[in-house]
Amino acid sequence: FRLFPQSWYAAVGMQYKVPNGLGYHFFFMWLFALNGIAYVAYLTI
């Protein structure tokens, strides 16, 4: 079976939004990384 087929995307209205996805992903990934690094640093220190 294939995860997230086109029928699933159509049902939740998430198709044709690749530019939005790229913009969100490439911005919030830095915040996700910084929070994760801060967490590991805190546990260590």
PDB file of all heavy atoms in Angstrom:
ATOM      1  N   PHE A   1       0.858  -1.189   0.000  1.00  0.00           N
ATOM      2  CA  PHE A   1       0.000   0.000   0.000  1.00  0.00           C
ATOM      3  C   PHE A   1       0.888   1.231   0.000  1.00  0.00           C
ATOM      4  O   PHE A   1       2.066   1.182   0.337  1.00  0.00           O
ATOM      5  CB  PHE A   1      -0.965   0.014   1.194  1.00  0.00           C
ATOM      6  CG  PHE A   1      -0.298   0.146   2.536  1.00  0.00           C
ATOM      7  CD1 PHE A   1      -0.027   1.396   3.096  1.00  0.00           C
ATOM      8  CD2 PHE A   1       0.068  -0.992   3.257  1.00  0.00           C
ATOM      9  CE1 PHE A   1       0.581   1.509   4.330  1.00  0.00           C
ATOM     10  CE2 PHE A   1       0.675  -0.875   4.505  1.00  0.00           C
ATOM     11  CZ  PHE A   1       0.933   0.380   5.031  1.00  0.00           C
ATOM     12  N   ARG A   2       0.306   2.351  -0.418  1.00  0.00           N
ATOM     13  CA  ARG A   2       1.042   3.601  -0.513  1.00  0.00           C
ATOM     14  C   ARG A   2       0.475   4.607   0.488  1.00  0.00           C
ATOM     15  O   ARG A   2      -0.724   4.803   0.575  1.00  0.00           O
ATOM     16  CB  ARG A   2       0.931   4.164  -1.938  1.00  0.00           C
ATOM     17  CG  ARG A   2       1.853   5.329  -2.233  1.00  0.00           C
ATOM     18  CD  ARG A   2       1.711   5.751  -3.692  1.00  0.00           C
ATOM     19  NE  ARG A   2       2.084   4.690  -4.578  1.00  0.00           N
ATOM     20  CZ  ARG A   2       3.337   4.398  -4.926  1.00  0.00           C
ATOM     21  NH1 ARG A   2       4.329   5.105  -4.417  1.00  0.00           N
ATOM     22  NH2 ARG A   2       3.610   3.419  -5.745  1.00  0.00           N
ATOM     23  N   LEU A   3       1.370   5.215   1.276  1.00  0.00           N
ATOM     24  CA  LEU A   3       0.929   6.197   2.251  1.00  0.00           C
ATOM     25  C   LEU A   3       0.593   7.523   1.571  1.00  0.00           C
ATOM     26  O   LEU A   3       1.239   7.920   0.605  1.00  0.00           O
ATOM     27  CB  LEU A   3       2.025   6.425   3.293  1.00  0.00           C
ATOM     28  CG  LEU A   3       2.420   5.214   4.144  1.00  0.00           C
ATOM     29  CD1 LEU A   3       3.545   5.586   5.085  1.00  0.00           C
ATOM     30  CD2 LEU A   3       1.228   4.700   4.932  1.00  0.00           C
ATOM     31  N   PHE A   4      -0.418   8.190   2.080  1.00  0.00           N
ATOM     32  CA  PHE A   4      -0.836   9.502   1.603  1.00  0.00           C
ATOM     33  C   PHE A   4      -1.063   9.546   0.082  1.00  0.00           C
ATOM     34  O   PHE A   4      -0.379  10.270  -0.642  1.00  0.00           O
ATOM     35  CB  PHE A   4       0.193  10.570   2.002  1.00  0.00           C
ATOM     36  CG  PHE A   4       0.506  10.577   3.460  1.00  0.00           C
ATOM     37  CD1 PHE A   4       1.757  10.199   3.918  1.00  0.00           C
ATOM     38  CD2 PHE A   4      -0.459  10.933   4.397  1.00  0.00           C
ATOM     39  CE1 PHE A   4       2.050  10.183   5.278  1.00  0.00           C
ATOM     40  CE2 PHE A   4      -0.168  10.925   5.759  1.00  0.00           C
ATOM     41  CZ  PHE A   4       1.089  10.543   6.194  1.00  0.00           C
ATOM     42  N   PRO A   5      -2.035   8.762  -0.401  1.00  0.00           N
ATOM     43  CA  PRO A   5      -2.353   8.821  -1.836  1.00  0.00           C
ATOM     44  C   PRO A   5      -3.047  10.132  -2.183  1.00  0.00           C
ATOM     45  O   PRO A   5      -3.420  10.916  -1.293  1.00  0.00           O
ATOM     46  CB  PRO A   5      -3.291   7.628  -2.028  1.00  0.00           C
ATOM     47  CG  PRO A   5      -3.947   7.465  -0.681  1.00  0.00           C
ATOM     48  CD  PRO A   5      -2.889   7.820   0.328  1.00  0.00           C
ATOM     49  N   GLN A   6      -3.240  10.383  -3.467  1.00  0.00           N
ATOM     50  CA  GLN A   6      -3.875  11.617  -3.902  1.00  0.00           C
ATOM     51  C   GLN A   6      -5.284  11.775  -3.346  1.00  0.00           C
ATOM     52  O   GLN A   6      -5.734  12.890  -3.076  1.00  0.00           O
ATOM     53  CB  GLN A   6      -3.906  11.671  -5.432  1.00  0.00           C
ATOM     54  CG  GLN A   6      -2.551  11.928  -6.078  1.00  0.00           C
ATOM     55  CD  GLN A   6      -1.991  13.284  -5.661  1.00  0.00           C
ATOM     56  OE1 GLN A   6      -2.615  14.324  -5.862  1.00  0.00           O
ATOM     57  NE2 GLN A   6      -0.800  13.266  -5.067  1.00  0.00           N
ATOM     58  N   SER A   7      -5.986  10.656  -3.159  1.00  0.00           N
ATOM     59  CA  SER A   7      -7.348  10.725  -2.603  1.00  0.00           C
ATOM     60  C   SER A   7      -7.321  11.299  -1.178  1.00  0.00           C
ATOM     61  O   SER A   7      -8.224  12.033  -0.780  1.00  0.00           O
ATOM     62  CB  SER A   7      -7.977   9.323  -2.589  1.00  0.00           C
ATOM     63  OG  SER A   7      -7.169   8.416  -1.854  1.00  0.00           O
ATOM     64  N   TRP A   8      -6.266  10.988  -0.427  1.00  0.00           N
ATOM     65  CA  TRP A   8      -6.133  11.514   0.936  1.00  0.00           C
ATOM     66  C   TRP A   8      -5.889  13.013   0.891  1.00  0.00           C
ATOM     67  O   TRP A   8      -6.505  13.774   1.636  1.00  0.00           O
ATOM     68  CB  TRP A   8      -4.987  10.803   1.657  1.00  0.00           C
ATOM     69  CG  TRP A   8      -4.793  11.273   3.067  1.00  0.00           C
ATOM     70  CD1 TRP A   8      -5.442  10.822   4.178  1.00  0.00           C
ATOM     71  CD2 TRP A   8      -3.910  12.314   3.509  1.00  0.00           C
ATOM     72  NE1 TRP A   8      -5.002  11.517   5.299  1.00  0.00           N
ATOM     73  CE2 TRP A   8      -4.070  12.438   4.920  1.00  0.00           C
ATOM     74  CE3 TRP A   8      -3.002  13.157   2.860  1.00  0.00           C
ATOM     75  CZ2 TRP A   8      -3.350  13.346   5.673  1.00  0.00           C
ATOM     76  CZ3 TRP A   8      -2.290  14.068   3.607  1.00  0.00           C
ATOM     77  CH2 TRP A   8      -2.459  14.161   5.000  1.00  0.00           C
ATOM     78  N   TYR A   9      -4.984  13.445   0.017  1.00  0.00           N
ATOM     79  CA  TYR A   9      -4.701  14.874  -0.109  1.00  0.00           C
ATOM     80  C   TYR A   9      -5.954  15.650  -0.527  1.00  0.00           C
ATOM     81  O   TYR A   9      -6.211  16.749  -0.035  1.00  0.00           O
ATOM     82  CB  TYR A   9      -3.585  15.098  -1.137  1.00  0.00           C
ATOM     83  CG  TYR A   9      -2.198  14.940  -0.577  1.00  0.00           C
ATOM     84  CD1 TYR A   9      -1.440  13.812  -0.856  1.00  0.00           C
ATOM     85  CD2 TYR A   9      -1.630  15.927   0.223  1.00  0.00           C
ATOM     86  CE1 TYR A   9      -0.152  13.666  -0.348  1.00  0.00           C
ATOM     87  CE2 TYR A   9      -0.354  15.796   0.742  1.00  0.00           C
ATOM     88  CZ  TYR A   9       0.386  14.658   0.452  1.00  0.00           C
ATOM     89  OH  TYR A   9       1.648  14.525   0.962  1.00  0.00           O
ATOM     90  N   ALA A  10      -6.717  15.072  -1.451  1.00  0.00           N
ATOM     91  CA  ALA A  10      -7.935  15.742  -1.900  1.00  0.00           C
ATOM     92  C   ALA A  10      -8.962  15.848  -0.774  1.00  0.00           C
ATOM     93  O   ALA A  10      -9.659  16.852  -0.645  1.00  0.00           O
ATOM     94  CB  ALA A  10      -8.531  14.989  -3.087  1.00  0.00           C
ATOM     95  N   ALA A  11      -9.040  14.806   0.063  1.00  0.00           N
ATOM     96  CA  ALA A  11     -10.017  14.790   1.154  1.00  0.00           C
ATOM     97  C   ALA A  11      -9.712  15.854   2.201  1.00  0.00           C
ATOM     98  O   ALA A  11     -10.627  16.453   2.773  1.00  0.00           O
ATOM     99  CB  ALA A  11     -10.052  13.407   1.803  1.00  0.00           C
ATOM    100  N   VAL A  12      -8.421  16.123   2.447  1.00  0.00           N
ATOM    101  CA  VAL A  12      -8.050  17.097   3.478  1.00  0.00           C
ATOM    102  C   VAL A  12      -7.689  18.463   2.883  1.00  0.00           C
ATOM    103  O   VAL A  12      -7.378  19.399   3.620  1.00  0.00           O
ATOM    104  CB  VAL A  12      -6.862  16.576   4.322  1.00  0.00           C
ATOM    105  CG1 VAL A  12      -7.262  15.315   5.065  1.00  0.00           C
ATOM    106  CG2 VAL A  12      -5.631  16.307   3.457  1.00  0.00           C
ATOM    107  N   GLY A  13      -7.750  18.590   1.547  1.00  0.00           N
ATOM    108  CA  GLY A  13      -7.490  19.871   0.892  1.00  0.00           C
ATOM    109  C   GLY A  13      -6.054  20.349   0.982  1.00  0.00           C
ATOM    110  O   GLY A  13      -5.815  21.547   1.171  1.00  0.00           O
ATOM    111  N   MET A  14      -5.095  19.442   0.846  1.00  0.00           N
ATOM    112  CA  MET A  14      -3.690  19.814   0.984  1.00  0.00           C
ATOM    113  C   MET A  14      -2.915  19.739  -0.334  1.00  0.00           C
ATOM    114  O   MET A  14      -1.699  19.832  -0.342  1.00  0.00           O
ATOM    115  CB  MET A  14      -3.008  18.914   2.032  1.00  0.00           C
ATOM    116  CG  MET A  14      -3.491  19.147   3.455  1.00  0.00           C
ATOM    117  SD  MET A  14      -2.786  17.967   4.665  1.00  0.00           S
ATOM    118  CE  MET A  14      -1.042  18.319   4.526  1.00  0.00           C
ATOM    119  N   GLN A  15      -3.606  19.571  -1.455  1.00  0.00           N
ATOM    120  CA  GLN A  15      -2.911  19.493  -2.728  1.00  0.00           C
ATOM    121  C   GLN A  15      -2.607  20.887  -3.293  1.00  0.00           C
ATOM    122  O   GLN A  15      -3.219  21.876  -2.886  1.00  0.00           O
ATOM    123  CB  GLN A  15      -3.724  18.670  -3.749  1.00  0.00           C
ATOM    124  CG  GLN A  15      -5.042  19.304  -4.186  1.00  0.00           C
ATOM    125  CD  GLN A  15      -6.207  18.956  -3.312  1.00  0.00           C
ATOM    126  OE1 GLN A  15      -6.132  19.150  -2.107  1.00  0.00           O
ATOM    127  NE2 GLN A  15      -7.292  18.478  -3.915  1.00  0.00           N
ATOM    128  N   TYR A  16      -1.625  20.956  -4.203  1.00  0.00           N
ATOM    129  CA  TYR A  16      -1.235  22.206  -4.890  1.00  0.00           C
ATOM    130  C   TYR A  16      -0.748  23.294  -3.924  1.00  0.00           C
ATOM    131  O   TYR A  16      -0.967  24.479  -4.151  1.00  0.00           O
ATOM    132  CB  TYR A  16      -2.407  22.759  -5.722  1.00  0.00           C
ATOM    133  CG  TYR A  16      -2.974  21.769  -6.694  1.00  0.00           C
ATOM    134  CD1 TYR A  16      -4.223  21.191  -6.453  1.00  0.00           C
ATOM    135  CD2 TYR A  16      -2.279  21.402  -7.839  1.00  0.00           C
ATOM    136  CE1 TYR A  16      -4.760  20.264  -7.336  1.00  0.00           C
ATOM    137  CE2 TYR A  16      -2.809  20.471  -8.728  1.00  0.00           C
ATOM    138  CZ  TYR A  16      -4.046  19.901  -8.471  1.00  0.00           C
ATOM    139  OH  TYR A  16      -4.567  18.993  -9.347  1.00  0.00           O
ATOM    140  N   LYS A  17      -0.093  22.902  -2.840  1.00  0.00           N
ATOM    141  CA  LYS A  17       0.399  23.885  -1.875  1.00  0.00           C
ATOM    142  C   LYS A  17       1.884  23.691  -1.592  1.00  0.00           C
ATOM    143  O   LYS A  17       2.365  23.960  -0.488  1.00  0.00           O
ATOM    144  CB  LYS A  17      -0.403  23.780  -0.571  1.00  0.00           C
ATOM    145  CG  LYS A  17      -1.884  24.145  -0.743  1.00  0.00           C
ATOM    146  CD  LYS A  17      -2.631  24.043   0.579  1.00  0.00           C
ATOM    147  CE  LYS A  17      -4.106  24.411   0.399  1.00  0.00           C
ATOM    148  NZ  LYS A  17      -4.862  24.291   1.675  1.00  0.00           N
ATOM    149  N   VAL A  18       2.613  23.245  -2.605  1.00  0.00           N
ATOM    150  CA  VAL A  18       4.046  22.991  -2.439  1.00  0.00           C
ATOM    151  C   VAL A  18       4.822  24.258  -2.046  1.00  0.00           C
ATOM    152  O   VAL A  18       5.658  24.210  -1.134  1.00  0.00           O
ATOM    153  CB  VAL A  18       4.649  22.366  -3.717  1.00  0.00           C
ATOM    154  CG1 VAL A  18       6.148  22.166  -3.560  1.00  0.00           C
ATOM    155  CG2 VAL A  18       3.973  21.035  -4.006  1.00  0.00           C
ATOM    156  N   PRO A  19       4.593  25.419  -2.700  1.00  0.00           N
ATOM    157  CA  PRO A  19       5.335  26.629  -2.295  1.00  0.00           C
ATOM    158  C   PRO A  19       5.112  26.994  -0.826  1.00  0.00           C
ATOM    159  O   PRO A  19       6.046  27.404  -0.131  1.00  0.00           O
ATOM    160  CB  PRO A  19       4.775  27.711  -3.226  1.00  0.00           C
ATOM    161  CG  PRO A  19       4.301  26.962  -4.429  1.00  0.00           C
ATOM    162  CD  PRO A  19       3.735  25.689  -3.888  1.00  0.00           C
ATOM    163  N   ASN A  20       3.854  26.855  -0.364  1.00  0.00           N
ATOM    164  CA  ASN A  20       3.572  27.118   1.049  1.00  0.00           C
ATOM    165  C   ASN A  20       4.367  26.167   1.950  1.00  0.00           C
ATOM    166  O   ASN A  20       4.943  26.570   2.967  1.00  0.00           O
ATOM    167  CB  ASN A  20       2.082  26.957   1.347  1.00  0.00           C
ATOM    168  CG  ASN A  20       1.243  28.015   0.675  1.00  0.00           C
ATOM    169  OD1 ASN A  20       1.766  28.917   0.042  1.00  0.00           O
ATOM    170  ND2 ASN A  20      -0.065  27.908   0.804  1.00  0.00           N
ATOM    171  N   GLY A  21       4.364  24.897   1.552  1.00  0.00           N
ATOM    172  CA  GLY A  21       5.078  23.895   2.334  1.00  0.00           C
ATOM    173  C   GLY A  21       6.566  24.178   2.403  1.00  0.00           C
ATOM    174  O   GLY A  21       7.174  24.073   3.473  1.00  0.00           O
ATOM    175  N   LEU A  22       7.167  24.552   1.279  1.00  0.00           N
ATOM    176  CA  LEU A  22       8.591  24.862   1.262  1.00  0.00           C
ATOM    177  C   LEU A  22       8.916  26.059   2.143  1.00  0.00           C
ATOM    178  O   LEU A  22       9.908  26.054   2.882  1.00  0.00           O
ATOM    179  CB  LEU A  22       9.044  25.133  -0.179  1.00  0.00           C
ATOM    180  CG  LEU A  22       9.069  23.928  -1.123  1.00  0.00           C
ATOM    181  CD1 LEU A  22       9.279  24.386  -2.564  1.00  0.00           C
ATOM    182  CD2 LEU A  22      10.165  22.952  -0.720  1.00  0.00           C
ATOM    183  N   GLY A  23       8.085  27.093   2.052  1.00  0.00           N
ATOM    184  CA  GLY A  23       8.316  28.292   2.847  1.00  0.00           C
ATOM    185  C   GLY A  23       8.257  28.007   4.335  1.00  0.00           C
ATOM    186  O   GLY A  23       9.145  28.407   5.100  1.00  0.00           O
ATOM    187  N   TYR A  24       7.202  27.297   4.762  1.00  0.00           N
ATOM    188  CA  TYR A  24       7.066  26.962   6.178  1.00  0.00           C
ATOM    189  C   TYR A  24       8.203  26.045   6.638  1.00  0.00           C
ATOM    190  O   TYR A  24       8.783  26.240   7.698  1.00  0.00           O
ATOM    191  CB  TYR A  24       5.726  26.276   6.451  1.00  0.00           C
ATOM    192  CG  TYR A  24       4.536  27.186   6.391  1.00  0.00           C
ATOM    193  CD1 TYR A  24       3.408  26.851   5.628  1.00  0.00           C
ATOM    194  CD2 TYR A  24       4.503  28.375   7.118  1.00  0.00           C
ATOM    195  CE1 TYR A  24       2.301  27.687   5.573  1.00  0.00           C
ATOM    196  CE2 TYR A  24       3.398  29.212   7.067  1.00  0.00           C
ATOM    197  CZ  TYR A  24       2.300  28.862   6.291  1.00  0.00           C
ATOM    198  OH  TYR A  24       1.203  29.683   6.242  1.00  0.00           O
ATOM    199  N   HIS A  25       8.506  25.045   5.825  1.00  0.00           N
ATOM    200  CA  HIS A  25       9.490  24.032   6.208  1.00  0.00           C
ATOM    201  C   HIS A  25      10.874  24.648   6.381  1.00  0.00           C
ATOM    202  O   HIS A  25      11.568  24.377   7.371  1.00  0.00           O
ATOM    203  CB  HIS A  25       9.528  22.930   5.144  1.00  0.00           C
ATOM    204  CG  HIS A  25       9.803  21.569   5.694  1.00  0.00           C
ATOM    205  ND1 HIS A  25       8.933  20.886   6.516  1.00  0.00           N
ATOM    206  CD2 HIS A  25      10.881  20.744   5.554  1.00  0.00           C
ATOM    207  CE1 HIS A  25       9.438  19.713   6.839  1.00  0.00           C
ATOM    208  NE2 HIS A  25      10.628  19.600   6.279  1.00  0.00           N
ATOM    209  N   PHE A  26      11.281  25.473   5.423  1.00  0.00           N
ATOM    210  CA  PHE A  26      12.632  26.030   5.453  1.00  0.00           C
ATOM    211  C   PHE A  26      12.784  27.163   6.467  1.00  0.00           C
ATOM    212  O   PHE A  26      13.901  27.543   6.810  1.00  0.00           O
ATOM    213  CB  PHE A  26      13.035  26.524   4.066  1.00  0.00           C
ATOM    214  CG  PHE A  26      13.189  25.416   3.067  1.00  0.00           C
ATOM    215  CD1 PHE A  26      13.014  25.650   1.710  1.00  0.00           C
ATOM    216  CD2 PHE A  26      13.504  24.133   3.473  1.00  0.00           C
ATOM    217  CE1 PHE A  26      13.156  24.624   0.787  1.00  0.00           C
ATOM    218  CE2 PHE A  26      13.646  23.098   2.565  1.00  0.00           C
ATOM    219  CZ  PHE A  26      13.468  23.343   1.211  1.00  0.00           C
ATOM    220  N   PHE A  27      11.676  27.710   6.959  1.00  0.00           N
ATOM    221  CA  PHE A  27      11.760  28.716   8.015  1.00  0.00           C
ATOM    222  C   PHE A  27      11.749  28.069   9.394  1.00  0.00           C
ATOM    223  O   PHE A  27      12.633  28.318  10.233  1.00  0.00           O
ATOM    224  CB  PHE A  27      10.607  29.716   7.907  1.00  0.00           C
ATOM    225  CG  PHE A  27      10.570  30.711   9.041  1.00  0.00           C
ATOM    226  CD1 PHE A  27      11.442  31.789   9.062  1.00  0.00           C
ATOM    227  CD2 PHE A  27       9.676  30.558  10.096  1.00  0.00           C
ATOM    228  CE1 PHE A  27      11.425  32.711  10.115  1.00  0.00           C
ATOM    229  CE2 PHE A  27       9.645  31.462  11.147  1.00  0.00           C
ATOM    230  CZ  PHE A  27      10.527  32.550  11.154  1.00  0.00           C
ATOM    231  N   PHE A  28      10.765  27.205   9.636  1.00  0.00           N
ATOM    232  CA  PHE A  28      10.602  26.632  10.971  1.00  0.00           C
ATOM    233  C   PHE A  28      11.640  25.559  11.282  1.00  0.00           C
ATOM    234  O   PHE A  28      11.815  25.188  12.447  1.00  0.00           O
ATOM    235  CB  PHE A  28       9.187  26.065  11.136  1.00  0.00           C
ATOM    236  CG  PHE A  28       8.146  27.125  11.347  1.00  0.00           C
ATOM    237  CD1 PHE A  28       7.358  27.563  10.284  1.00  0.00           C
ATOM    238  CD2 PHE A  28       7.963  27.712  12.590  1.00  0.00           C
ATOM    239  CE1 PHE A  28       6.408  28.549  10.471  1.00  0.00           C
ATOM    240  CE2 PHE A  28       7.012  28.698  12.792  1.00  0.00           C
ATOM    241  CZ  PHE A  28       6.230  29.121  11.719  1.00  0.00           C
ATOM    242  N   MET A  29      12.330  25.044  10.247  1.00  0.00           N
ATOM    243  CA  MET A  29      13.347  24.029  10.530  1.00  0.00           C
ATOM    244  C   MET A  29      14.474  24.604  11.389  1.00  0.00           C
ATOM    245  O   MET A  29      15.061  23.902  12.218  1.00  0.00           O
ATOM    246  CB  MET A  29      13.922  23.455   9.232  1.00  0.00           C
ATOM    247  CG  MET A  29      14.801  24.392   8.450  1.00  0.00           C
ATOM    248  SD  MET A  29      15.466  23.558   6.984  1.00  0.00           S
ATOM    249  CE  MET A  29      16.588  24.832   6.373  1.00  0.00           C
ATOM    250  N   TRP A  30      14.787  25.904  11.205  1.00  0.00           N
ATOM    251  CA  TRP A  30      15.839  26.511  12.010  1.00  0.00           C
ATOM    252  C   TRP A  30      15.413  26.648  13.465  1.00  0.00           C
ATOM    253  O   TRP A  30      16.220  26.446  14.384  1.00  0.00           O
ATOM    254  CB  TRP A  30      16.212  27.878  11.435  1.00  0.00           C
ATOM    255  CG  TRP A  30      16.713  27.799  10.030  1.00  0.00           C
ATOM    256  CD1 TRP A  30      16.084  28.251   8.905  1.00  0.00           C
ATOM    257  CD2 TRP A  30      17.940  27.197   9.585  1.00  0.00           C
ATOM    258  NE1 TRP A  30      16.836  27.984   7.789  1.00  0.00           N
ATOM    259  CE2 TRP A  30      17.980  27.342   8.172  1.00  0.00           C
ATOM    260  CE3 TRP A  30      18.994  26.575  10.238  1.00  0.00           C
ATOM    261  CZ2 TRP A  30      19.042  26.857   7.420  1.00  0.00           C
ATOM    262  CZ3 TRP A  30      20.058  26.087   9.488  1.00  0.00           C
ATOM    263  CH2 TRP A  30      20.076  26.234   8.093  1.00  0.00           C
ATOM    264  N   LEU A  31      14.154  26.983  13.699  1.00  0.00           N
ATOM    265  CA  LEU A  31      13.639  27.078  15.068  1.00  0.00           C
ATOM    266  C   LEU A  31      13.585  25.701  15.721  1.00  0.00           C
ATOM    267  O   LEU A  31      13.919  25.545  16.904  1.00  0.00           O
ATOM    268  CB  LEU A  31      12.245  27.715  15.065  1.00  0.00           C
ATOM    269  CG  LEU A  31      12.145  29.122  14.469  1.00  0.00           C
ATOM    270  CD1 LEU A  31      10.707  29.619  14.534  1.00  0.00           C
ATOM    271  CD2 LEU A  31      13.081  30.081  15.190  1.00  0.00           C
ATOM    272  N   PHE A  32      13.185  24.700  14.938  1.00  0.00           N
ATOM    273  CA  PHE A  32      13.151  23.320  15.431  1.00  0.00           C
ATOM    274  C   PHE A  32      14.556  22.862  15.817  1.00  0.00           C
ATOM    275  O   PHE A  32      14.767  22.241  16.870  1.00  0.00           O
ATOM    276  CB  PHE A  32      12.563  22.403  14.358  1.00  0.00           C
ATOM    277  CG  PHE A  32      12.516  20.946  14.738  1.00  0.00           C
ATOM    278  CD1 PHE A  32      11.568  20.486  15.631  1.00  0.00           C
ATOM    279  CD2 PHE A  32      13.414  20.045  14.193  1.00  0.00           C
ATOM    280  CE1 PHE A  32      11.527  19.138  15.986  1.00  0.00           C
ATOM    281  CE2 PHE A  32      13.379  18.710  14.537  1.00  0.00           C
ATOM    282  CZ  PHE A  32      12.428  18.249  15.428  1.00  0.00           C
ATOM    283  N   ALA A  33      15.538  23.194  14.963  1.00  0.00           N
ATOM    284  CA  ALA A  33      16.929  22.810  15.227  1.00  0.00           C
ATOM    285  C   ALA A  33      17.467  23.514  16.467  1.00  0.00           C
ATOM    286  O   ALA A  33      18.097  22.889  17.330  1.00  0.00           O
ATOM    287  CB  ALA A  33      17.800  23.124  14.013  1.00  0.00           C
ATOM    288  N   LEU A  34      17.218  24.814  16.580  1.00  0.00           N
ATOM    289  CA  LEU A  34      17.726  25.580  17.718  1.00  0.00           C
ATOM    290  C   LEU A  34      17.120  25.091  19.031  1.00  0.00           C
ATOM    291  O   LEU A  34      17.816  24.985  20.049  1.00  0.00           O
ATOM    292  CB  LEU A  34      17.427  27.067  17.523  1.00  0.00           C
ATOM    293  CG  LEU A  34      18.247  27.784  16.442  1.00  0.00           C
ATOM    294  CD1 LEU A  34      17.742  29.208  16.249  1.00  0.00           C
ATOM    295  CD2 LEU A  34      19.724  27.786  16.812  1.00  0.00           C
ATOM    296  N   ASN A  35      15.824  24.779  19.017  1.00  0.00           N
ATOM    297  CA  ASN A  35      15.170  24.288  20.228  1.00  0.00           C
ATOM    298  C   ASN A  35      15.731  22.926  20.625  1.00  0.00           C
ATOM    299  O   ASN A  35      15.963  22.657  21.816  1.00  0.00           O
ATOM    300  CB  ASN A  35      13.661  24.180  20.006  1.00  0.00           C
ATOM    301  CG  ASN A  35      12.899  23.943  21.299  1.00  0.00           C
ATOM    302  OD1 ASN A  35      12.988  24.711  22.244  1.00  0.00           O
ATOM    303  ND2 ASN A  35      12.137  22.851  21.334  1.00  0.00           N
ATOM    304  N   GLY A  36      15.970  22.075  19.624  1.00  0.00           N
ATOM    305  CA  GLY A  36      16.527  20.760  19.914  1.00  0.00           C
ATOM    306  C   GLY A  36      17.949  20.848  20.443  1.00  0.00           C
ATOM    307  O   GLY A  36      18.318  20.150  21.400  1.00  0.00           O
ATOM    308  N   ILE A  37      18.761  21.711  19.848  1.00  0.00           N
ATOM    309  CA  ILE A  37      20.146  21.892  20.308  1.00  0.00           C
ATOM    310  C   ILE A  37      20.156  22.463  21.727  1.00  0.00           C
ATOM    311  O   ILE A  37      20.951  22.043  22.581  1.00  0.00           O
ATOM    312  CB  ILE A  37      20.910  22.815  19.343  1.00  0.00           C
ATOM    313  CG1 ILE A  37      21.095  22.116  17.986  1.00  0.00           C
ATOM    314  CG2 ILE A  37      22.267  23.203  19.921  1.00  0.00           C
ATOM    315  CD1 ILE A  37      21.647  23.010  16.904  1.00  0.00           C
ATOM    316  N   ALA A  38      19.262  23.427  21.995  1.00  0.00           N
ATOM    317  CA  ALA A  38      19.182  24.016  23.326  1.00  0.00           C
ATOM    318  C   ALA A  38      18.776  22.966  24.361  1.00  0.00           C
ATOM    319  O   ALA A  38      19.302  22.950  25.488  1.00  0.00           O
ATOM    320  CB  ALA A  38      18.176  25.167  23.324  1.00  0.00           C
ATOM    321  N   TYR A  39      17.869  22.069  23.984  1.00  0.00           N
ATOM    322  CA  TYR A  39      17.414  21.019  24.895  1.00  0.00           C
ATOM    323  C   TYR A  39      18.553  20.063  25.248  1.00  0.00           C
ATOM    324  O   TYR A  39      18.784  19.753  26.424  1.00  0.00           O
ATOM    325  CB  TYR A  39      16.252  20.259  24.254  1.00  0.00           C
ATOM    326  CG  TYR A  39      15.689  19.143  25.101  1.00  0.00           C
ATOM    327  CD1 TYR A  39      15.132  19.400  26.342  1.00  0.00           C
ATOM    328  CD2 TYR A  39      15.709  17.823  24.645  1.00  0.00           C
ATOM    329  CE1 TYR A  39      14.607  18.375  27.124  1.00  0.00           C
ATOM    330  CE2 TYR A  39      15.192  16.793  25.414  1.00  0.00           C
ATOM    331  CZ  TYR A  39      14.646  17.074  26.650  1.00  0.00           C
ATOM    332  OH  TYR A  39      14.131  16.060  27.421  1.00  0.00           O
ATOM    333  N   VAL A  40      19.270  19.610  24.221  1.00  0.00           N
ATOM    334  CA  VAL A  40      20.397  18.694  24.453  1.00  0.00           C
ATOM    335  C   VAL A  40      21.480  19.389  25.269  1.00  0.00           C
ATOM    336  O   VAL A  40      22.074  18.792  26.179  1.00  0.00           O
ATOM    337  CB  VAL A  40      20.967  18.184  23.117  1.00  0.00           C
ATOM    338  CG1 VAL A  40      22.239  17.380  23.338  1.00  0.00           C
ATOM    339  CG2 VAL A  40      19.935  17.325  22.394  1.00  0.00           C
ATOM    340  N   ALA A  41      21.740  20.657  24.967  1.00  0.00           N
ATOM    341  CA  ALA A  41      22.752  21.412  25.718  1.00  0.00           C
ATOM    342  C   ALA A  41      22.352  21.543  27.182  1.00  0.00           C
ATOM    343  O   ALA A  41      23.187  21.384  28.084  1.00  0.00           O
ATOM    344  CB  ALA A  41      22.944  22.788  25.093  1.00  0.00           C
ATOM    345  N   TYR A  42      21.067  21.823  27.428  1.00  0.00           N
ATOM    346  CA  TYR A  42      20.602  21.961  28.811  1.00  0.00           C
ATOM    347  C   TYR A  42      20.744  20.642  29.568  1.00  0.00           C
ATOM    348  O   TYR A  42      21.214  20.627  30.721  1.00  0.00           O
ATOM    349  CB  TYR A  42      19.147  22.422  28.840  1.00  0.00           C
ATOM    350  CG  TYR A  42      18.554  22.370  30.235  1.00  0.00           C
ATOM    351  CD1 TYR A  42      18.853  23.357  31.163  1.00  0.00           C
ATOM    352  CD2 TYR A  42      17.736  21.302  30.625  1.00  0.00           C
ATOM    353  CE1 TYR A  42      18.344  23.299  32.459  1.00  0.00           C
ATOM    354  CE2 TYR A  42      17.228  21.242  31.907  1.00  0.00           C
ATOM    355  CZ  TYR A  42      17.534  22.234  32.822  1.00  0.00           C
ATOM    356  OH  TYR A  42      17.043  22.165  34.098  1.00  0.00           O
ATOM    357  N   LEU A  43      20.321  19.533  28.945  1.00  0.00           N
ATOM    358  CA  LEU A  43      20.433  18.234  29.606  1.00  0.00           C
ATOM    359  C   LEU A  43      21.884  17.920  29.946  1.00  0.00           C
ATOM    360  O   LEU A  43      22.182  17.367  31.012  1.00  0.00           O
ATOM    361  CB  LEU A  43      19.869  17.131  28.699  1.00  0.00           C
ATOM    362  CG  LEU A  43      18.357  17.125  28.452  1.00  0.00           C
ATOM    363  CD1 LEU A  43      17.996  15.989  27.504  1.00  0.00           C
ATOM    364  CD2 LEU A  43      17.580  16.995  29.752  1.00  0.00           C
ATOM    365  N   THR A  44      22.782  18.281  29.035  1.00  0.00           N
ATOM    366  CA  THR A  44      24.200  17.992  29.247  1.00  0.00           C
ATOM    367  C   THR A  44      24.800  18.852  30.353  1.00  0.00           C
ATOM    368  O   THR A  44      25.457  18.347  31.266  1.00  0.00           O
ATOM    369  CB  THR A  44      24.991  18.220  27.939  1.00  0.00           C
ATOM    370  OG1 THR A  44      24.426  17.414  26.885  1.00  0.00           O
ATOM    371  CG2 THR A  44      26.456  17.860  28.110  1.00  0.00           C
ATOM    372  N   ILE A  45      24.566  20.154  30.280  1.00  0.00           N
ATOM    373  CA  ILE A  45      25.175  21.089  31.241  1.00  0.00           C
ATOM    374  C   ILE A  45      24.584  20.915  32.644  1.00  0.00           C
ATOM    375  O   ILE A  45      25.308  20.950  33.644  1.00  0.00           O
ATOM    376  CB  ILE A  45      24.990  22.542  30.755  1.00  0.00           C
ATOM    377  CG1 ILE A  45      25.755  22.752  29.439  1.00  0.00           C
ATOM    378  CG2 ILE A  45      25.463  23.535  31.816  1.00  0.00           C
ATOM    379  CD1 ILE A  45      25.478  24.086  28.775  1.00  0.00           C
TER     380      ILE A  45
END
